[in-house]
Amino acid sequence: MDCIFCKIIAGDIPGERVLEDDEFLAIRDIAPKAASHVLVMPREHLPSLDEVGRWDADGKGQRLLDFTVRVADVLGIRGSGYRVVTNVGADAGQVVDHLHLHVMGGDRLGEFH
């Protein structure tokens, strides 16, 4: 597979790991948009949020969200607030076709509408 996130998950390409378990991985973004900016992704290749319905039969979506909250805790931004964003498709700015959530915080973020 030619997916850069799959290669990071496999350990073929380095990534600064923040938290991981059997299902998910969190790495620091290489071009951060906030003081803390981490990408949370499932280890299983899933192109985008559009595919979560077929993937979530056993509650993986809820576990992904729970893992994301744990990441915010590890980063120390849970109490002050953080933003979670995912881009779906080219028009939304999705660059890597592997579901990933951007977790950002650590300073005051601008309004997002």
C-alpha atoms as a PDB file:
ATOM      1  CA  MET A   1       0.000   0.000   0.000  1.00  0.00           C
ATOM      2  CA  ASP A   2       1.219   3.489  -0.796  1.00  0.00           C
ATOM      3  CA  CYS A   3      -0.389   5.203   2.223  1.00  0.00           C
ATOM      4  CA  ILE A   4       2.099   7.252   4.231  1.00  0.00           C
ATOM      5  CA  PHE A   5       0.115   6.761   7.457  1.00  0.00           C
ATOM      6  CA  CYS A   6       0.093   2.980   6.952  1.00  0.00           C
ATOM      7  CA  LYS A   7       3.881   3.173   6.561  1.00  0.00           C
ATOM      8  CA  ILE A   8       4.191   5.198   9.788  1.00  0.00           C
ATOM      9  CA  ILE A   9       1.929   2.733  11.611  1.00  0.00           C
ATOM     10  CA  ALA A  10       4.085  -0.163  10.340  1.00  0.00           C
ATOM     11  CA  GLY A  11       7.255   1.626  11.487  1.00  0.00           C
ATOM     12  CA  ASP A  12       8.636   1.944   7.944  1.00  0.00           C
ATOM     13  CA  ILE A  13       8.620   5.759   8.192  1.00  0.00           C
ATOM     14  CA  PRO A  14       9.361   7.591  11.445  1.00  0.00           C
ATOM     15  CA  GLY A  15       6.679   9.533  13.269  1.00  0.00           C
ATOM     16  CA  GLU A  16       6.818  11.069  16.733  1.00  0.00           C
ATOM     17  CA  ARG A  17       4.425   8.810  18.609  1.00  0.00           C
ATOM     18  CA  VAL A  18       2.391  10.379  21.400  1.00  0.00           C
ATOM     19  CA  LEU A  19       0.070   7.514  22.330  1.00  0.00           C
ATOM     20  CA  GLU A  20      -0.807   4.149  20.834  1.00  0.00           C
ATOM     21  CA  ASP A  21      -2.745   0.999  21.513  1.00  0.00           C
ATOM     22  CA  ASP A  22      -3.768  -2.046  19.489  1.00  0.00           C
ATOM     23  CA  GLU A  23      -6.281  -0.083  17.389  1.00  0.00           C
ATOM     24  CA  PHE A  24      -5.065   3.521  17.182  1.00  0.00           C
ATOM     25  CA  LEU A  25      -1.964   5.680  16.902  1.00  0.00           C
ATOM     26  CA  ALA A  26      -1.374   9.353  17.696  1.00  0.00           C
ATOM     27  CA  ILE A  27       1.617  11.174  16.194  1.00  0.00           C
ATOM     28  CA  ARG A  28       2.750  14.792  16.218  1.00  0.00           C
ATOM     29  CA  ASP A  29       1.850  16.708  13.052  1.00  0.00           C
ATOM     30  CA  ILE A  30       4.973  17.646  11.062  1.00  0.00           C
ATOM     31  CA  ALA A  31       3.455  21.051  10.173  1.00  0.00           C
ATOM     32  CA  PRO A  32       1.619  22.027  13.388  1.00  0.00           C
ATOM     33  CA  LYS A  33      -1.117  24.656  13.302  1.00  0.00           C
ATOM     34  CA  ALA A  34      -1.234  25.006  17.112  1.00  0.00           C
ATOM     35  CA  ALA A  35       1.128  24.643  20.075  1.00  0.00           C
ATOM     36  CA  SER A  36      -0.090  21.046  20.384  1.00  0.00           C
ATOM     37  CA  HIS A  37      -1.125  19.412  17.109  1.00  0.00           C
ATOM     38  CA  VAL A  38      -1.433  15.642  16.949  1.00  0.00           C
ATOM     39  CA  LEU A  39      -2.925  13.291  14.366  1.00  0.00           C
ATOM     40  CA  VAL A  40      -5.034  10.385  15.639  1.00  0.00           C
ATOM     41  CA  MET A  41      -5.618   7.507  13.243  1.00  0.00           C
ATOM     42  CA  PRO A  42      -6.857   3.944  13.242  1.00  0.00           C
ATOM     43  CA  ARG A  43      -4.192   1.320  12.552  1.00  0.00           C
ATOM     44  CA  GLU A  44      -6.592  -0.224  10.044  1.00  0.00           C
ATOM     45  CA  HIS A  45      -6.588   1.625   6.726  1.00  0.00           C
ATOM     46  CA  LEU A  46      -9.834   3.530   6.310  1.00  0.00           C
ATOM     47  CA  PRO A  47      -9.937   6.245   3.612  1.00  0.00           C
ATOM     48  CA  SER A  48     -12.027   8.830   5.480  1.00  0.00           C
ATOM     49  CA  LEU A  49     -14.900   9.506   7.828  1.00  0.00           C
ATOM     50  CA  ASP A  50     -17.228   8.532   4.965  1.00  0.00           C
ATOM     51  CA  GLU A  51     -16.238   4.894   5.546  1.00  0.00           C
ATOM     52  CA  VAL A  52     -16.822   4.793   9.314  1.00  0.00           C
ATOM     53  CA  GLY A  53     -20.305   3.268   8.983  1.00  0.00           C
ATOM     54  CA  ARG A  54     -19.014  -0.016   7.560  1.00  0.00           C
ATOM     55  CA  TRP A  55     -16.092  -0.031  10.000  1.00  0.00           C
ATOM     56  CA  ASP A  56     -17.997   0.792  13.194  1.00  0.00           C
ATOM     57  CA  ALA A  57     -20.110  -2.345  13.611  1.00  0.00           C
ATOM     58  CA  ASP A  58     -18.370  -3.247  16.862  1.00  0.00           C
ATOM     59  CA  GLY A  59     -18.004   0.237  18.366  1.00  0.00           C
ATOM     60  CA  LYS A  60     -14.650   1.252  16.854  1.00  0.00           C
ATOM     61  CA  GLY A  61     -15.919   4.774  16.247  1.00  0.00           C
ATOM     62  CA  GLN A  62     -16.642   5.280  19.946  1.00  0.00           C
ATOM     63  CA  ARG A  63     -13.246   3.805  20.845  1.00  0.00           C
ATOM     64  CA  LEU A  64     -11.610   6.221  18.384  1.00  0.00           C
ATOM     65  CA  LEU A  65     -13.294   9.136  20.144  1.00  0.00           C
ATOM     66  CA  ASP A  66     -12.339   7.776  23.581  1.00  0.00           C
ATOM     67  CA  PHE A  67      -8.726   7.414  22.406  1.00  0.00           C
ATOM     68  CA  THR A  68      -8.803  11.000  21.116  1.00  0.00           C
ATOM     69  CA  VAL A  69      -9.842  12.256  24.565  1.00  0.00           C
ATOM     70  CA  ARG A  70      -6.974  10.239  26.081  1.00  0.00           C
ATOM     71  CA  VAL A  71      -4.598  11.987  23.660  1.00  0.00           C
ATOM     72  CA  ALA A  72      -5.856  15.387  24.805  1.00  0.00           C
ATOM     73  CA  ASP A  73      -5.203  14.228  28.383  1.00  0.00           C
ATOM     74  CA  VAL A  74      -1.640  13.125  27.558  1.00  0.00           C
ATOM     75  CA  LEU A  75      -1.001  16.467  25.847  1.00  0.00           C
ATOM     76  CA  GLY A  76      -2.277  18.330  28.914  1.00  0.00           C
ATOM     77  CA  ILE A  77      -4.887  20.248  26.915  1.00  0.00           C
ATOM     78  CA  ARG A  78      -8.054  18.510  28.023  1.00  0.00           C
ATOM     79  CA  GLY A  79      -8.807  20.951  30.831  1.00  0.00           C
ATOM     80  CA  SER A  80      -8.131  24.140  28.860  1.00  0.00           C
ATOM     81  CA  GLY A  81      -9.868  23.055  25.680  1.00  0.00           C
ATOM     82  CA  TYR A  82      -8.942  21.559  22.346  1.00  0.00           C
ATOM     83  CA  ARG A  83     -10.246  21.209  18.820  1.00  0.00           C
ATOM     84  CA  VAL A  84     -10.792  17.988  16.864  1.00  0.00           C
ATOM     85  CA  VAL A  85     -11.065  18.221  13.069  1.00  0.00           C
ATOM     86  CA  THR A  86     -11.166  15.737  10.227  1.00  0.00           C
ATOM     87  CA  ASN A  87     -11.116  16.608   6.548  1.00  0.00           C
ATOM     88  CA  VAL A  88     -13.110  14.456   4.117  1.00  0.00           C
ATOM     89  CA  GLY A  89     -12.164  14.682   0.455  1.00  0.00           C
ATOM     90  CA  ALA A  90     -10.025  16.999  -1.612  1.00  0.00           C
ATOM     91  CA  ASP A  91     -12.367  20.001  -1.403  1.00  0.00           C
ATOM     92  CA  ALA A  92     -12.118  19.879   2.394  1.00  0.00           C
ATOM     93  CA  GLY A  93      -8.326  19.670   2.283  1.00  0.00           C
ATOM     94  CA  GLN A  94      -7.821  15.952   2.926  1.00  0.00           C
ATOM     95  CA  VAL A  95      -4.281  15.248   1.727  1.00  0.00           C
ATOM     96  CA  VAL A  96      -3.765  11.683   3.003  1.00  0.00           C
ATOM     97  CA  ASP A  97      -6.505   9.168   2.237  1.00  0.00           C
ATOM     98  CA  HIS A  98      -6.395   7.511   5.663  1.00  0.00           C
ATOM     99  CA  LEU A  99      -8.879   8.609   8.321  1.00  0.00           C
ATOM    100  CA  HIS A 100      -7.157  10.890  10.804  1.00  0.00           C
ATOM    101  CA  LEU A 101      -8.328  13.388  13.382  1.00  0.00           C
ATOM    102  CA  HIS A 102      -6.377  16.562  14.066  1.00  0.00           C
ATOM    103  CA  VAL A 103      -6.243  17.286  17.813  1.00  0.00           C
ATOM    104  CA  MET A 104      -5.137  20.881  18.409  1.00  0.00           C
ATOM    105  CA  GLY A 105      -4.757  23.033  21.494  1.00  0.00           C
ATOM    106  CA  GLY A 106      -2.221  24.382  23.918  1.00  0.00           C
ATOM    107  CA  ASP A 107      -3.034  28.013  23.241  1.00  0.00           C
ATOM    108  CA  ARG A 108      -6.096  30.044  22.337  1.00  0.00           C
ATOM    109  CA  LEU A 109      -7.332  28.942  18.929  1.00  0.00           C
ATOM    110  CA  GLY A 110      -9.126  31.304  16.595  1.00  0.00           C
ATOM    111  CA  GLU A 111     -12.864  30.967  16.121  1.00  0.00           C
ATOM    112  CA  PHE A 112     -13.942  28.193  13.811  1.00  0.00           C
ATOM    113  CA  HIS A 113     -17.266  28.476  12.016  1.00  0.00           C
END
